[in-house]
N, C-alpha and C. Protein backbone atom coordinates (compact mmCIF):
# COMPACT_ATOMS: atom_id res chain seq x y z
N MET A 1 207.85 125.90 -182.88
CA MET A 1 207.91 125.51 -184.27
C MET A 1 206.99 124.30 -184.44
N GLU A 2 206.23 124.32 -185.51
CA GLU A 2 205.30 123.23 -185.78
C GLU A 2 205.69 122.56 -187.09
N THR A 3 205.40 121.29 -187.19
CA THR A 3 205.69 120.53 -188.40
C THR A 3 204.37 120.20 -189.08
N VAL A 4 204.32 120.36 -190.40
CA VAL A 4 203.13 120.01 -191.17
C VAL A 4 203.52 118.96 -192.20
N THR A 5 202.53 118.26 -192.71
CA THR A 5 202.76 117.21 -193.71
C THR A 5 202.15 117.66 -195.03
N ILE A 6 202.84 117.40 -196.12
CA ILE A 6 202.33 117.71 -197.45
C ILE A 6 201.47 116.52 -197.89
N SER A 7 200.22 116.81 -198.28
CA SER A 7 199.29 115.76 -198.71
C SER A 7 199.67 115.29 -200.12
N PRO A 8 199.06 114.19 -200.58
CA PRO A 8 199.31 113.73 -201.95
C PRO A 8 198.93 114.78 -203.00
N LYS A 9 198.04 115.73 -202.63
CA LYS A 9 197.66 116.81 -203.55
C LYS A 9 198.53 118.05 -203.33
N PHE A 10 199.63 117.91 -202.60
CA PHE A 10 200.56 118.99 -202.30
C PHE A 10 199.90 120.10 -201.48
N GLN A 11 198.99 119.75 -200.59
CA GLN A 11 198.35 120.71 -199.71
C GLN A 11 198.93 120.58 -198.32
N VAL A 12 198.91 121.70 -197.57
CA VAL A 12 199.34 121.68 -196.18
C VAL A 12 198.27 122.38 -195.34
N VAL A 13 198.20 122.02 -194.07
CA VAL A 13 197.29 122.67 -193.14
C VAL A 13 198.12 123.56 -192.22
N ILE A 14 197.76 124.83 -192.16
CA ILE A 14 198.45 125.76 -191.27
C ILE A 14 197.92 125.49 -189.86
N PRO A 15 198.80 125.24 -188.89
CA PRO A 15 198.36 124.92 -187.54
C PRO A 15 197.46 126.02 -186.95
N ARG A 16 196.49 125.60 -186.14
CA ARG A 16 195.49 126.50 -185.57
C ARG A 16 196.11 127.68 -184.83
N ALA A 17 197.12 127.44 -184.01
CA ALA A 17 197.74 128.52 -183.24
C ALA A 17 198.28 129.61 -184.17
N ILE A 18 198.88 129.21 -185.27
CA ILE A 18 199.43 130.18 -186.22
C ILE A 18 198.31 130.91 -186.94
N ARG A 19 197.26 130.16 -187.36
CA ARG A 19 196.10 130.80 -188.03
C ARG A 19 195.46 131.84 -187.13
N GLU A 20 195.29 131.51 -185.86
CA GLU A 20 194.66 132.45 -184.93
C GLU A 20 195.54 133.66 -184.67
N GLU A 21 196.84 133.43 -184.49
CA GLU A 21 197.76 134.53 -184.22
C GLU A 21 197.82 135.52 -185.38
N LEU A 22 197.79 135.00 -186.62
CA LEU A 22 197.86 135.85 -187.80
C LEU A 22 196.48 136.28 -188.30
N LYS A 23 195.42 135.82 -187.62
CA LYS A 23 194.03 136.16 -187.97
C LYS A 23 193.71 135.79 -189.41
N LEU A 24 194.14 134.58 -189.81
CA LEU A 24 193.86 134.09 -191.15
C LEU A 24 192.43 133.57 -191.23
N LYS A 25 191.81 133.74 -192.38
CA LYS A 25 190.43 133.31 -192.60
C LYS A 25 190.38 132.31 -193.75
N PRO A 26 189.39 131.42 -193.77
CA PRO A 26 189.25 130.49 -194.89
C PRO A 26 189.10 131.25 -196.21
N GLY A 27 189.80 130.81 -197.23
CA GLY A 27 189.73 131.45 -198.53
C GLY A 27 190.66 132.63 -198.70
N GLN A 28 191.33 133.04 -197.62
CA GLN A 28 192.25 134.18 -197.70
C GLN A 28 193.45 133.79 -198.56
N ARG A 29 193.96 134.74 -199.30
CA ARG A 29 195.13 134.49 -200.15
C ARG A 29 196.42 134.68 -199.38
N VAL A 30 197.42 133.90 -199.76
CA VAL A 30 198.78 134.08 -199.24
C VAL A 30 199.72 134.06 -200.43
N THR A 31 200.83 134.73 -200.29
CA THR A 31 201.86 134.73 -201.31
C THR A 31 202.92 133.73 -200.89
N ALA A 32 203.26 132.81 -201.80
CA ALA A 32 204.31 131.83 -201.53
C ALA A 32 205.61 132.35 -202.12
N ILE A 33 206.62 132.50 -201.27
CA ILE A 33 207.90 133.04 -201.68
C ILE A 33 208.98 132.00 -201.40
N ARG A 34 209.79 131.69 -202.41
CA ARG A 34 210.92 130.78 -202.22
C ARG A 34 212.13 131.61 -201.85
N ILE A 35 212.72 131.28 -200.72
CA ILE A 35 213.94 131.95 -200.26
C ILE A 35 214.95 130.85 -199.97
N GLY A 36 215.89 130.70 -200.89
CA GLY A 36 216.87 129.63 -200.73
C GLY A 36 216.19 128.27 -200.75
N ASP A 37 216.35 127.52 -199.65
CA ASP A 37 215.75 126.19 -199.58
C ASP A 37 214.51 126.15 -198.69
N ARG A 38 213.83 127.30 -198.54
CA ARG A 38 212.62 127.31 -197.72
C ARG A 38 211.50 128.05 -198.46
N ILE A 39 210.29 127.86 -197.99
CA ILE A 39 209.11 128.52 -198.56
C ILE A 39 208.48 129.35 -197.45
N GLU A 40 208.20 130.61 -197.75
CA GLU A 40 207.50 131.47 -196.80
C GLU A 40 206.13 131.79 -197.36
N LEU A 41 205.11 131.65 -196.53
CA LEU A 41 203.76 132.02 -196.91
C LEU A 41 203.44 133.34 -196.23
N VAL A 42 203.20 134.36 -197.03
CA VAL A 42 202.95 135.71 -196.51
C VAL A 42 201.50 136.06 -196.77
N PRO A 43 200.71 136.33 -195.70
CA PRO A 43 199.31 136.68 -195.92
C PRO A 43 199.18 137.92 -196.80
N TRP A 44 198.31 137.83 -197.80
CA TRP A 44 198.03 138.96 -198.67
C TRP A 44 197.00 139.83 -197.98
N ARG A 45 197.29 141.10 -197.89
CA ARG A 45 196.36 142.04 -197.28
C ARG A 45 196.18 143.22 -198.23
N PRO A 46 194.95 143.72 -198.37
CA PRO A 46 194.75 144.88 -199.24
C PRO A 46 195.49 146.09 -198.69
N MET A 47 195.91 146.98 -199.57
CA MET A 47 196.66 148.17 -199.14
C MET A 47 195.88 148.98 -198.11
N ARG A 48 194.58 149.04 -198.23
CA ARG A 48 193.77 149.79 -197.28
C ARG A 48 193.95 149.24 -195.86
N ALA A 49 194.12 147.94 -195.74
CA ALA A 49 194.31 147.32 -194.42
C ALA A 49 195.71 147.58 -193.87
N MET A 50 196.65 147.98 -194.73
CA MET A 50 198.02 148.21 -194.30
C MET A 50 198.21 149.61 -193.72
N ARG A 51 197.23 150.47 -193.87
CA ARG A 51 197.35 151.85 -193.40
C ARG A 51 197.71 151.90 -191.93
N GLY A 52 198.78 152.60 -191.62
CA GLY A 52 199.20 152.80 -190.24
C GLY A 52 199.98 151.65 -189.62
N PHE A 53 200.32 150.63 -190.39
CA PHE A 53 200.99 149.46 -189.79
C PHE A 53 202.37 149.80 -189.24
N ALA A 54 203.00 150.87 -189.74
CA ALA A 54 204.34 151.23 -189.29
C ALA A 54 204.32 152.39 -188.28
N ARG A 55 203.15 152.72 -187.78
CA ARG A 55 203.03 153.81 -186.82
C ARG A 55 203.94 153.56 -185.62
N GLY A 56 204.70 154.57 -185.24
CA GLY A 56 205.57 154.47 -184.09
C GLY A 56 206.95 153.92 -184.39
N ILE A 57 207.22 153.54 -185.62
CA ILE A 57 208.53 153.00 -185.96
C ILE A 57 209.57 154.12 -185.90
N SER A 58 210.73 153.79 -185.42
CA SER A 58 211.81 154.77 -185.32
C SER A 58 212.37 155.08 -186.71
N THR A 59 212.50 156.36 -187.00
CA THR A 59 213.07 156.78 -188.28
C THR A 59 214.51 157.26 -188.13
N ASP A 60 215.06 157.08 -186.95
CA ASP A 60 216.46 157.47 -186.71
C ASP A 60 217.37 156.40 -187.28
N VAL A 61 218.07 156.76 -188.33
CA VAL A 61 219.04 155.84 -188.93
C VAL A 61 220.35 156.58 -189.12
N PRO A 62 221.47 155.92 -188.93
CA PRO A 62 222.74 156.60 -189.17
C PRO A 62 222.89 156.94 -190.64
N ARG A 63 223.38 158.14 -190.91
CA ARG A 63 223.55 158.58 -192.30
C ARG A 63 225.00 159.05 -192.51
N ASP A 64 225.47 158.86 -193.72
CA ASP A 64 226.79 159.37 -194.09
C ASP A 64 226.73 160.89 -194.14
N ASP A 65 227.85 161.54 -193.91
CA ASP A 65 227.88 163.01 -193.90
C ASP A 65 227.41 163.63 -195.20
N ASP A 66 227.66 162.96 -196.31
CA ASP A 66 227.25 163.53 -197.60
C ASP A 66 225.78 163.24 -197.93
N ARG A 67 225.05 162.60 -197.02
CA ARG A 67 223.63 162.25 -197.26
C ARG A 67 222.66 163.03 -196.38
N ILE A 68 223.13 164.05 -195.73
CA ILE A 68 222.27 164.79 -194.79
C ILE A 68 221.41 165.79 -195.49
């Protein structure tokens, strides 16, 4: 876990290790989401880039008898 400081202009710097791991680029957009008392920054990616991201995910889920 890394700690960042909010500048007087309300800016933060995303630590290098996190930027590299998420392959973030300068000027890339992120979505800021408030969840309770925290803020999550989610990288915005075009739908074309999302193709196949769930490949290999298990689709086995328990179902009620009336939902088969």
